[in-house]
PDB file of N, CA and C in Angstrom:
ATOM      1  N   UNK A   1       0.826  -1.189   0.000  1.00  0.00           N
ATOM      2  CA  UNK A   1       0.000   0.000   0.000  1.00  0.00           C
ATOM      3  C   UNK A   1       0.869   1.251   0.000  1.00  0.00           C
ATOM      4  N   UNK A   2       1.858   1.300   0.873  1.00  0.00           N
ATOM      5  CA  UNK A   2       2.759   2.447   0.909  1.00  0.00           C
ATOM      6  C   UNK A   2       3.544   2.526  -0.393  1.00  0.00           C
ATOM      7  N   UNK A   3       3.920   1.353  -0.918  1.00  0.00           N
ATOM      8  CA  UNK A   3       4.684   1.323  -2.162  1.00  0.00           C
ATOM      9  C   UNK A   3       3.865   1.916  -3.302  1.00  0.00           C
ATOM     10  N   UNK A   4       2.564   1.615  -3.376  1.00  0.00           N
ATOM     11  CA  UNK A   4       1.703   2.178  -4.413  1.00  0.00           C
ATOM     12  C   UNK A   4       1.606   3.688  -4.276  1.00  0.00           C
ATOM     13  N   UNK A   5       1.508   4.167  -3.038  1.00  0.00           N
ATOM     14  CA  UNK A   5       1.425   5.595  -2.788  1.00  0.00           C
ATOM     15  C   UNK A   5       2.705   6.302  -3.232  1.00  0.00           C
ATOM     16  N   UNK A   6       3.845   5.727  -2.899  1.00  0.00           N
ATOM     17  CA  UNK A   6       5.135   6.316  -3.286  1.00  0.00           C
ATOM     18  C   UNK A   6       5.291   6.296  -4.800  1.00  0.00           C
ATOM     19  N   UNK A   7       4.889   5.192  -5.444  1.00  0.00           N
ATOM     20  CA  UNK A   7       4.970   5.119  -6.897  1.00  0.00           C
ATOM     21  C   UNK A   7       4.104   6.198  -7.542  1.00  0.00           C
ATOM     22  N   UNK A   8       2.930   6.423  -6.998  1.00  0.00           N
ATOM     23  CA  UNK A   8       2.050   7.466  -7.534  1.00  0.00           C
ATOM     24  C   UNK A   8       2.681   8.843  -7.370  1.00  0.00           C
ATOM     25  N   UNK A   9       3.288   9.102  -6.218  1.00  0.00           N
ATOM     26  CA  UNK A   9       3.960  10.387  -6.003  1.00  0.00           C
ATOM     27  C   UNK A   9       5.112  10.583  -6.980  1.00  0.00           C
ATOM     28  N   UNK A  10       5.878   9.538  -7.230  1.00  0.00           N
ATOM     29  CA  UNK A  10       6.996   9.631  -8.171  1.00  0.00           C
ATOM     30  C   UNK A  10       6.477   9.900  -9.579  1.00  0.00           C
ATOM     31  N   UNK A  11       5.419   9.206  -9.987  1.00  0.00           N
ATOM     32  CA  UNK A  11       4.836   9.431 -11.313  1.00  0.00           C
ATOM     33  C   UNK A  11       4.330  10.864 -11.453  1.00  0.00           C
ATOM     34  N   UNK A  12       3.672  11.371 -10.402  1.00  0.00           N
ATOM     35  CA  UNK A  12       3.183  12.752 -10.447  1.00  0.00           C
ATOM     36  C   UNK A  12       4.337  13.744 -10.531  1.00  0.00           C
ATOM     37  N   UNK A  13       5.415  13.479  -9.794  1.00  0.00           N
ATOM     38  CA  UNK A  13       6.578  14.370  -9.823  1.00  0.00           C
ATOM     39  C   UNK A  13       7.217  14.365 -11.208  1.00  0.00           C
ATOM     40  N   UNK A  14       7.350  13.205 -11.825  1.00  0.00           N
ATOM     41  CA  UNK A  14       7.952  13.121 -13.162  1.00  0.00           C
ATOM     42  C   UNK A  14       7.063  13.814 -14.184  1.00  0.00           C
ATOM     43  N   UNK A  15       5.753  13.579 -14.131  1.00  0.00           N
ATOM     44  CA  UNK A  15       4.831  14.236 -15.061  1.00  0.00           C
ATOM     45  C   UNK A  15       4.870  15.753 -14.884  1.00  0.00           C
ATOM     46  N   UNK A  16       4.915  16.221 -13.633  1.00  0.00           N
ATOM     47  CA  UNK A  16       4.986  17.662 -13.378  1.00  0.00           C
ATOM     48  C   UNK A  16       6.278  18.254 -13.921  1.00  0.00           C
ATOM     49  N   UNK A  17       7.368  17.537 -13.756  1.00  0.00           N
ATOM     50  CA  UNK A  17       8.657  18.005 -14.272  1.00  0.00           C
ATOM     51  C   UNK A  17       8.640  18.109 -15.790  1.00  0.00           C
ATOM     52  N   UNK A  18       8.062  17.130 -16.460  1.00  0.00           N
ATOM     53  CA  UNK A  18       7.991  17.150 -17.926  1.00  0.00           C
ATOM     54  C   UNK A  18       7.116  18.304 -18.404  1.00  0.00           C
ATOM     55  N   UNK A  19       5.948  18.456 -17.798  1.00  0.00           N
ATOM     56  CA  UNK A  19       5.041  19.533 -18.208  1.00  0.00           C
ATOM     57  C   UNK A  19       5.659  20.900 -17.906  1.00  0.00           C
ATOM     58  N   UNK A  20       6.268  21.037 -16.731  1.00  0.00           N
ATOM     59  CA  UNK A  20       6.910  22.309 -16.375  1.00  0.00           C
ATOM     60  C   UNK A  20       8.043  22.661 -17.323  1.00  0.00           C
ATOM     61  N   UNK A  21       8.830  21.674 -17.721  1.00  0.00           N
ATOM     62  CA  UNK A  21       9.914  21.910 -18.671  1.00  0.00           C
ATOM     63  C   UNK A  21       9.356  22.363 -20.013  1.00  0.00           C
ATOM     64  N   UNK A  22       8.286  21.713 -20.455  1.00  0.00           N
ATOM     65  CA  UNK A  22       7.657  22.107 -21.718  1.00  0.00           C
ATOM     66  C   UNK A  22       7.090  23.511 -21.663  1.00  0.00           C
ATOM     67  N   UNK A  23       6.449  23.856 -20.561  1.00  0.00           N
ATOM     68  CA  UNK A  23       5.882  25.198 -20.432  1.00  0.00           C
ATOM     69  C   UNK A  23       6.980  26.257 -20.394  1.00  0.00           C
ATOM     70  N   UNK A  24       8.081  25.963 -19.701  1.00  0.00           N
ATOM     71  CA  UNK A  24       9.200  26.900 -19.652  1.00  0.00           C
ATOM     72  C   UNK A  24       9.785  27.104 -21.045  1.00  0.00           C
ATOM     73  N   UNK A  25       9.846  26.043 -21.824  1.00  0.00           N
ATOM     74  CA  UNK A  25      10.363  26.129 -23.192  1.00  0.00           C
ATOM     75  C   UNK A  25       9.536  27.102 -24.033  1.00  0.00           C
ATOM     76  N   UNK A  26       8.234  27.146 -23.798  1.00  0.00           N
ATOM     77  CA  UNK A  26       7.353  28.042 -24.545  1.00  0.00           C
ATOM     78  C   UNK A  26       7.164  29.395 -23.869  1.00  0.00           C
ATOM     79  N   UNK A  27       7.918  29.664 -22.808  1.00  0.00           N
ATOM     80  CA  UNK A  27       7.898  30.980 -22.180  1.00  0.00           C
ATOM     81  C   UNK A  27       6.806  31.184 -21.148  1.00  0.00           C
ATOM     82  N   UNK A  28       6.168  30.141 -20.707  1.00  0.00           N
ATOM     83  CA  UNK A  28       5.132  30.256 -19.690  1.00  0.00           C
ATOM     84  C   UNK A  28       5.797  30.108 -18.318  1.00  0.00           C
ATOM     85  N   UNK A  29       5.581  31.090 -17.441  1.00  0.00           N
ATOM     86  CA  UNK A  29       6.162  31.043 -16.106  1.00  0.00           C
ATOM     87  C   UNK A  29       5.040  31.150 -15.065  1.00  0.00           C
ATOM     88  N   UNK A  30       5.393  30.844 -13.835  1.00  0.00           N
ATOM     89  CA  UNK A  30       4.405  30.943 -12.750  1.00  0.00           C
ATOM     90  C   UNK A  30       3.931  32.384 -12.581  1.00  0.00           C
ATOM     91  N   UNK A  31       4.842  33.349 -12.704  1.00  0.00           N
ATOM     92  CA  UNK A  31       4.454  34.762 -12.574  1.00  0.00           C
ATOM     93  C   UNK A  31       3.455  35.165 -13.649  1.00  0.00           C
ATOM     94  N   UNK A  32       3.652  34.684 -14.872  1.00  0.00           N
ATOM     95  CA  UNK A  32       2.722  35.004 -15.957  1.00  0.00           C
ATOM     96  C   UNK A  32       1.356  34.368 -15.720  1.00  0.00           C
ATOM     97  N   UNK A  33       1.341  33.133 -15.221  1.00  0.00           N
ATOM     98  CA  UNK A  33       0.062  32.484 -14.946  1.00  0.00           C
ATOM     99  C   UNK A  33      -0.691  33.179 -13.822  1.00  0.00           C
ATOM    100  N   UNK A  34       0.012  33.550 -12.772  1.00  0.00           N
ATOM    101  CA  UNK A  34      -0.630  34.261 -11.664  1.00  0.00           C
ATOM    102  C   UNK A  34      -1.159  35.611 -12.146  1.00  0.00           C
ATOM    103  N   UNK A  35      -0.371  36.293 -12.973  1.00  0.00           N
ATOM    104  CA  UNK A  35      -0.803  37.575 -13.533  1.00  0.00           C
ATOM    105  C   UNK A  35      -2.020  37.433 -14.432  1.00  0.00           C
ATOM    106  N   UNK A  36      -2.132  36.308 -15.128  1.00  0.00           N
ATOM    107  CA  UNK A  36      -3.288  36.082 -16.004  1.00  0.00           C
ATOM    108  C   UNK A  36      -4.584  35.991 -15.199  1.00  0.00           C
ATOM    109  N   UNK A  37      -4.497  35.618 -13.962  1.00  0.00           N
ATOM    110  CA  UNK A  37      -5.672  35.573 -13.096  1.00  0.00           C
ATOM    111  C   UNK A  37      -5.902  36.897 -12.373  1.00  0.00           C
ATOM    112  N   UNK A  38      -5.076  37.884 -12.649  1.00  0.00           N
ATOM    113  CA  UNK A  38      -5.241  39.197 -12.046  1.00  0.00           C
ATOM    114  C   UNK A  38      -4.697  39.287 -10.635  1.00  0.00           C
ATOM    115  N   UNK A  39      -3.746  38.438 -10.309  1.00  0.00           N
ATOM    116  CA  UNK A  39      -3.166  38.430  -8.977  1.00  0.00           C
ATOM    117  C   UNK A  39      -1.699  38.825  -9.036  1.00  0.00           C
ATOM    118  N   UNK A  40      -1.204  39.276  -7.917  1.00  0.00           N
ATOM    119  CA  UNK A  40       0.237  39.471  -7.771  1.00  0.00           C
ATOM    120  C   UNK A  40       0.755  38.288  -6.952  1.00  0.00           C
ATOM    121  N   UNK A  41       2.036  37.996  -7.024  1.00  0.00           N
ATOM    122  CA  UNK A  41       2.558  36.899  -6.202  1.00  0.00           C
ATOM    123  C   UNK A  41       2.296  37.101  -4.708  1.00  0.00           C
ATOM    124  N   UNK A  42       2.380  38.352  -4.246  1.00  0.00           N
ATOM    125  CA  UNK A  42       2.109  38.628  -2.828  1.00  0.00           C
ATOM    126  C   UNK A  42       0.651  38.336  -2.470  1.00  0.00           C
ATOM    127  N   UNK A  43      -0.265  38.718  -3.352  1.00  0.00           N
ATOM    128  CA  UNK A  43      -1.689  38.476  -3.101  1.00  0.00           C
ATOM    129  C   UNK A  43      -1.993  36.975  -3.126  1.00  0.00           C
ATOM    130  N   UNK A  44      -1.363  36.238  -4.044  1.00  0.00           N
ATOM    131  CA  UNK A  44      -1.560  34.792  -4.110  1.00  0.00           C
ATOM    132  C   UNK A  44      -1.070  34.136  -2.819  1.00  0.00           C
ATOM    133  N   UNK A  45       0.061  34.582  -2.309  1.00  0.00           N
ATOM    134  CA  UNK A  45       0.584  34.059  -1.055  1.00  0.00           C
ATOM    135  C   UNK A  45      -0.351  34.393   0.107  1.00  0.00           C
ATOM    136  N   UNK A  46      -0.873  35.607   0.107  1.00  0.00           N
ATOM    137  CA  UNK A  46      -1.808  36.017   1.155  1.00  0.00           C
ATOM    138  C   UNK A  46      -3.077  35.163   1.127  1.00  0.00           C
ATOM    139  N   UNK A  47      -3.594  34.884  -0.074  1.00  0.00           N
ATOM    140  CA  UNK A  47      -4.777  34.040  -0.192  1.00  0.00           C
ATOM    141  C   UNK A  47      -4.493  32.614   0.284  1.00  0.00           C
ATOM    142  N   UNK A  48      -3.309  32.105  -0.026  1.00  0.00           N
ATOM    143  CA  UNK A  48      -2.934  30.766   0.429  1.00  0.00           C
ATOM    144  C   UNK A  48      -2.842  30.733   1.954  1.00  0.00           C
ATOM    145  N   UNK A  49      -2.282  31.778   2.548  1.00  0.00           N
ATOM    146  CA  UNK A  49      -2.190  31.836   4.006  1.00  0.00           C
ATOM    147  C   UNK A  49      -3.568  31.924   4.645  1.00  0.00           C
ATOM    148  N   UNK A  50      -4.464  32.704   4.052  1.00  0.00           N
ATOM    149  CA  UNK A  50      -5.830  32.797   4.570  1.00  0.00           C
ATOM    150  C   UNK A  50      -6.533  31.443   4.479  1.00  0.00           C
ATOM    151  N   UNK A  51      -6.301  30.733   3.388  1.00  0.00           N
ATOM    152  CA  UNK A  51      -6.892  29.408   3.226  1.00  0.00           C
ATOM    153  C   UNK A  51      -6.392  28.438   4.281  1.00  0.00           C
ATOM    154  N   UNK A  52      -5.095  28.472   4.560  1.00  0.00           N
ATOM    155  CA  UNK A  52      -4.533  27.597   5.580  1.00  0.00           C
ATOM    156  C   UNK A  52      -5.033  27.978   6.972  1.00  0.00           C
ATOM    157  N   UNK A  53      -5.170  29.286   7.216  1.00  0.00           N
ATOM    158  CA  UNK A  53      -5.676  29.755   8.506  1.00  0.00           C
ATOM    159  C   UNK A  53      -7.098  29.252   8.737  1.00  0.00           C
ATOM    160  N   UNK A  54      -7.877  29.164   7.675  1.00  0.00           N
ATOM    161  CA  UNK A  54      -9.240  28.655   7.798  1.00  0.00           C
ATOM    162  C   UNK A  54      -9.239  27.124   7.887  1.00  0.00           C
ATOM    163  N   UNK A  55      -8.441  26.454   7.063  1.00  0.00           N
ATOM    164  CA  UNK A  55      -8.521  25.003   6.929  1.00  0.00           C
ATOM    165  C   UNK A  55      -7.914  24.249   8.112  1.00  0.00           C
ATOM    166  N   UNK A  56      -6.805  24.722   8.652  1.00  0.00           N
ATOM    167  CA  UNK A  56      -6.108  23.971   9.695  1.00  0.00           C
ATOM    168  C   UNK A  56      -6.963  23.699  10.932  1.00  0.00           C
ATOM    169  N   UNK A  57      -7.641  24.699  11.503  1.00  0.00           N
ATOM    170  CA  UNK A  57      -8.489  24.392  12.673  1.00  0.00           C
ATOM    171  C   UNK A  57      -9.627  23.433  12.334  1.00  0.00           C
ATOM    172  N   UNK A  58     -10.226  23.585  11.160  1.00  0.00           N
ATOM    173  CA  UNK A  58     -11.317  22.695  10.767  1.00  0.00           C
ATOM    174  C   UNK A  58     -10.809  21.281  10.514  1.00  0.00           C
ATOM    175  N   UNK A  59      -9.639  21.158   9.927  1.00  0.00           N
ATOM    176  CA  UNK A  59      -9.032  19.851   9.698  1.00  0.00           C
ATOM    177  C   UNK A  59      -8.722  19.159  11.023  1.00  0.00           C
ATOM    178  N   UNK A  60      -8.175  19.890  11.952  1.00  0.00           N
ATOM    179  CA  UNK A  60      -7.854  19.340  13.267  1.00  0.00           C
ATOM    180  C   UNK A  60      -9.120  18.901  14.003  1.00  0.00           C
ATOM    181  N   UNK A  61     -10.132  19.731  13.975  1.00  0.00           N
ATOM    182  CA  UNK A  61     -11.387  19.406  14.645  1.00  0.00           C
ATOM    183  C   UNK A  61     -12.022  18.158  14.042  1.00  0.00           C
ATOM    184  N   UNK A  62     -12.035  18.079  12.740  1.00  0.00           N
ATOM    185  CA  UNK A  62     -12.585  16.889  12.084  1.00  0.00           C
ATOM    186  C   UNK A  62     -11.788  15.641  12.397  1.00  0.00           C
ATOM    187  N   UNK A  63     -10.460  15.765  12.449  1.00  0.00           N
ATOM    188  CA  UNK A  63      -9.605  14.610  12.747  1.00  0.00           C
ATOM    189  C   UNK A  63      -9.837  14.099  14.161  1.00  0.00           C
ATOM    190  N   UNK A  64     -10.177  14.992  15.083  1.00  0.00           N
ATOM    191  CA  UNK A  64     -10.455  14.567  16.456  1.00  0.00           C
ATOM    192  C   UNK A  64     -11.670  13.643  16.531  1.00  0.00           C
ATOM    193  N   UNK A  65     -12.551  13.725  15.565  1.00  0.00           N
ATOM    194  CA  UNK A  65     -13.712  12.850  15.525  1.00  0.00           C
ATOM    195  C   UNK A  65     -13.444  11.641  14.623  1.00  0.00           C
ATOM    196  N   UNK A  66     -12.921  11.885  13.441  1.00  0.00           N
ATOM    197  CA  UNK A  66     -12.763  10.839  12.432  1.00  0.00           C
ATOM    198  C   UNK A  66     -11.730   9.790  12.820  1.00  0.00           C
ATOM    199  N   UNK A  67     -10.586  10.199  13.339  1.00  0.00           N
ATOM    200  CA  UNK A  67      -9.508   9.249  13.634  1.00  0.00           C
ATOM    201  C   UNK A  67      -9.908   8.199  14.675  1.00  0.00           C
ATOM    202  N   UNK A  68     -10.514   8.559  15.803  1.00  0.00           N
ATOM    203  CA  UNK A  68     -10.939   7.506  16.746  1.00  0.00           C
ATOM    204  C   UNK A  68     -12.005   6.574  16.153  1.00  0.00           C
ATOM    205  N   UNK A  69     -12.937   7.130  15.387  1.00  0.00           N
ATOM    206  CA  UNK A  69     -13.964   6.295  14.763  1.00  0.00           C
ATOM    207  C   UNK A  69     -13.313   5.306  13.795  1.00  0.00           C
ATOM    208  N   UNK A  70     -12.393   5.796  12.958  1.00  0.00           N
ATOM    209  CA  UNK A  70     -11.688   4.919  12.026  1.00  0.00           C
ATOM    210  C   UNK A  70     -10.919   3.838  12.776  1.00  0.00           C
ATOM    211  N   UNK A  71     -10.246   4.202  13.862  1.00  0.00           N
ATOM    212  CA  UNK A  71      -9.448   3.245  14.616  1.00  0.00           C
ATOM    213  C   UNK A  71     -10.316   2.133  15.203  1.00  0.00           C
ATOM    214  N   UNK A  72     -11.474   2.484  15.754  1.00  0.00           N
ATOM    215  CA  UNK A  72     -12.384   1.485  16.321  1.00  0.00           C
ATOM    216  C   UNK A  72     -12.895   0.556  15.216  1.00  0.00           C
ATOM    217  N   UNK A  73     -13.262   1.115  14.083  1.00  0.00           N
ATOM    218  CA  UNK A  73     -13.716   0.287  12.964  1.00  0.00           C
ATOM    219  C   UNK A  73     -12.591  -0.622  12.493  1.00  0.00           C
ATOM    220  N   UNK A  74     -11.382  -0.115  12.428  1.00  0.00           N
ATOM    221  CA  UNK A  74     -10.217  -0.898  12.010  1.00  0.00           C
ATOM    222  C   UNK A  74      -9.973  -2.056  12.986  1.00  0.00           C
ATOM    223  N   UNK A  75     -10.118  -1.811  14.273  1.00  0.00           N
ATOM    224  CA  UNK A  75      -9.891  -2.861  15.275  1.00  0.00           C
ATOM    225  C   UNK A  75     -10.907  -3.986  15.177  1.00  0.00           C
ATOM    226  N   UNK A  76     -12.143  -3.671  14.870  1.00  0.00           N
ATOM    227  CA  UNK A  76     -13.206  -4.673  14.910  1.00  0.00           C
ATOM    228  C   UNK A  76     -13.578  -5.269  13.562  1.00  0.00           C
ATOM    229  N   UNK A  77     -12.916  -4.891  12.496  1.00  0.00           N
ATOM    230  CA  UNK A  77     -13.268  -5.499  11.224  1.00  0.00           C
ATOM    231  C   UNK A  77     -12.626  -6.898  11.146  1.00  0.00           C
ATOM    232  N   UNK A  78     -13.256  -7.788  10.393  1.00  0.00           N
ATOM    233  CA  UNK A  78     -12.728  -9.158  10.314  1.00  0.00           C
ATOM    234  C   UNK A  78     -11.404  -9.196   9.548  1.00  0.00           C
ATOM    235  N   UNK A  79     -10.553 -10.170   9.883  1.00  0.00           N
ATOM    236  CA  UNK A  79      -9.267 -10.261   9.191  1.00  0.00           C
ATOM    237  C   UNK A  79      -9.469 -10.617   7.715  1.00  0.00           C
ATOM    238  N   UNK A  80      -8.573 -10.109   6.896  1.00  0.00           N
ATOM    239  CA  UNK A  80      -8.639 -10.388   5.453  1.00  0.00           C
ATOM    240  C   UNK A  80      -7.877 -11.676   5.152  1.00  0.00           C
ATOM    241  N   UNK A  81      -8.287 -12.323   4.093  1.00  0.00           N
ATOM    242  CA  UNK A  81      -7.567 -13.516   3.645  1.00  0.00           C
ATOM    243  C   UNK A  81      -6.262 -13.091   3.008  1.00  0.00           C
ATOM    244  N   UNK A  82      -5.195 -13.796   3.328  1.00  0.00           N
ATOM    245  CA  UNK A  82      -3.883 -13.464   2.775  1.00  0.00           C
ATOM    246  C   UNK A  82      -3.713 -14.116   1.420  1.00  0.00           C
ATOM    247  N   UNK A  83      -3.144 -13.385   0.507  1.00  0.00           N
ATOM    248  CA  UNK A  83      -2.856 -13.941  -0.828  1.00  0.00           C
ATOM    249  C   UNK A  83      -1.341 -14.003  -0.982  1.00  0.00           C
ATOM    250  N   UNK A  84      -0.758 -15.091  -0.517  1.00  0.00           N
ATOM    251  CA  UNK A  84       0.701 -15.257  -0.551  1.00  0.00           C
ATOM    252  C   UNK A  84       1.183 -15.688  -1.874  1.00  0.00           C
TER     253      UNK A  84
END
């Protein structure tokens, strides 16, 4: 399971690198994309910080409920058949 997750992350990183290289070749930069949306880099950073300020407390609060429920369900589910 962890191996599949790591493989997916590696594939995403390689695909992002290829696409980013292609976009750079054609003169597309992050600053130009942000400007196309009518934002400045400082404003984009400020919006990201505001989003994190809102999301982090809600994420923590939700995890306080979800994680114990998941753990109890995990403890009481029947064992899976092994495929050796």
